[in-house]
Amino acid sequence: MKAILTRYIGPTNTKGGRIKADDGDGNTLTIPYDDSLNSSEVHAKAAKALCEKMGWDLNLIGGWGKNGMYWVFESSPIRA
């Protein structure tokens, strides 16, 4: 199963705030923080952008953790 972590990176002297999406396998993407969106929406935007970059066409489900937002791919329920 693949998961994506999105986390906020604070501004520096040369760059504004950013959101970094990371799948834990070395695939990352960083976008500028979009102040027109709420926090969950901007994290979703970063996760979706990483999916587009990687060619993954699946729905994401996200939830907050202490390090940022975690995203997993939605799939059909497993039947026992």
Protein backbone atom coordinates (compact mmCIF):
# COMPACT_ATOMS: atom_id res chain seq x y z
CA MET A 1 0.00 0.00 0.00
CA LYS A 2 1.22 3.48 -0.87
CA ALA A 3 0.77 6.48 1.45
CA ILE A 4 1.69 10.13 1.08
CA LEU A 5 2.69 12.52 3.86
CA THR A 6 2.15 16.24 3.30
CA ARG A 7 3.77 18.69 5.67
CA TYR A 8 4.13 22.43 6.04
CA ILE A 9 7.56 24.01 5.56
CA GLY A 10 7.79 27.48 7.06
CA PRO A 11 9.03 30.53 5.20
CA THR A 12 12.70 31.47 4.97
CA ASN A 13 14.40 34.73 4.02
CA THR A 14 14.13 33.77 0.34
CA LYS A 15 11.05 31.52 0.08
CA GLY A 16 7.50 31.67 1.36
CA GLY A 17 5.67 28.87 3.16
CA ARG A 18 5.40 25.60 1.24
CA ILE A 19 3.75 22.20 1.40
CA LYS A 20 5.88 19.14 0.65
CA ALA A 21 4.33 15.84 -0.43
CA ASP A 22 6.45 12.71 0.09
CA ASP A 23 5.58 9.06 -0.61
CA GLY A 24 8.45 7.67 1.48
CA ASP A 25 10.10 6.10 -1.58
CA GLY A 26 11.97 9.20 -2.72
CA ASN A 27 9.15 10.71 -4.79
CA THR A 28 8.48 14.25 -3.59
CA LEU A 29 6.89 17.46 -4.77
CA THR A 30 6.81 20.87 -3.11
CA ILE A 31 4.24 23.59 -3.86
CA PRO A 32 3.91 27.16 -2.55
CA TYR A 33 1.39 27.56 0.27
CA ASP A 34 -1.84 28.87 -1.31
CA ASP A 35 -3.37 31.37 1.13
CA SER A 36 -6.69 31.28 -0.75
CA LEU A 37 -7.24 27.69 0.49
CA ASN A 38 -7.73 26.36 4.01
CA SER A 39 -5.03 24.13 5.48
CA SER A 40 -6.64 20.80 4.52
CA GLU A 41 -7.29 22.01 0.98
CA VAL A 42 -3.70 23.11 0.37
CA HIS A 43 -2.40 19.78 1.71
CA ALA A 44 -4.82 17.97 -0.62
CA LYS A 45 -3.58 20.09 -3.53
CA ALA A 46 0.01 18.98 -2.83
CA ALA A 47 -0.93 15.30 -2.51
CA LYS A 48 -2.91 15.44 -5.77
CA ALA A 49 -0.02 17.20 -7.52
CA LEU A 50 2.34 14.38 -6.50
CA CYS A 51 -0.17 11.82 -7.80
CA GLU A 52 -0.35 13.66 -11.13
CA LYS A 53 3.45 13.80 -11.34
CA MET A 54 3.67 10.03 -10.73
CA GLY A 55 0.73 9.11 -13.00
CA TRP A 56 -1.37 7.73 -10.13
CA ASP A 57 -5.07 8.14 -10.94
CA LEU A 58 -6.80 7.13 -7.70
CA ASN A 59 -8.95 8.92 -5.12
CA LEU A 60 -7.23 9.97 -1.91
CA ILE A 61 -8.47 9.95 1.66
CA GLY A 62 -6.59 12.20 4.10
CA GLY A 63 -6.33 12.62 7.82
CA TRP A 64 -4.26 14.70 10.20
CA GLY A 65 -1.35 13.31 12.24
CA LYS A 66 1.23 15.05 14.40
CA ASN A 67 3.66 15.44 11.46
CA GLY A 68 1.18 16.71 8.85
CA MET A 69 -1.52 15.04 6.77
CA TYR A 70 -1.40 11.40 5.74
CA TRP A 71 -3.04 10.33 2.49
CA VAL A 72 -3.99 6.82 1.39
CA PHE A 73 -5.62 5.63 -1.79
CA GLU A 74 -9.29 4.78 -1.65
CA SER A 75 -10.07 1.21 -2.70
CA SER A 76 -12.96 -1.19 -2.66
CA PRO A 77 -13.80 -2.70 0.74
CA ILE A 78 -12.20 -6.06 1.45
CA ARG A 79 -14.78 -8.77 1.93
CA ALA A 80 -14.03 -11.71 4.21
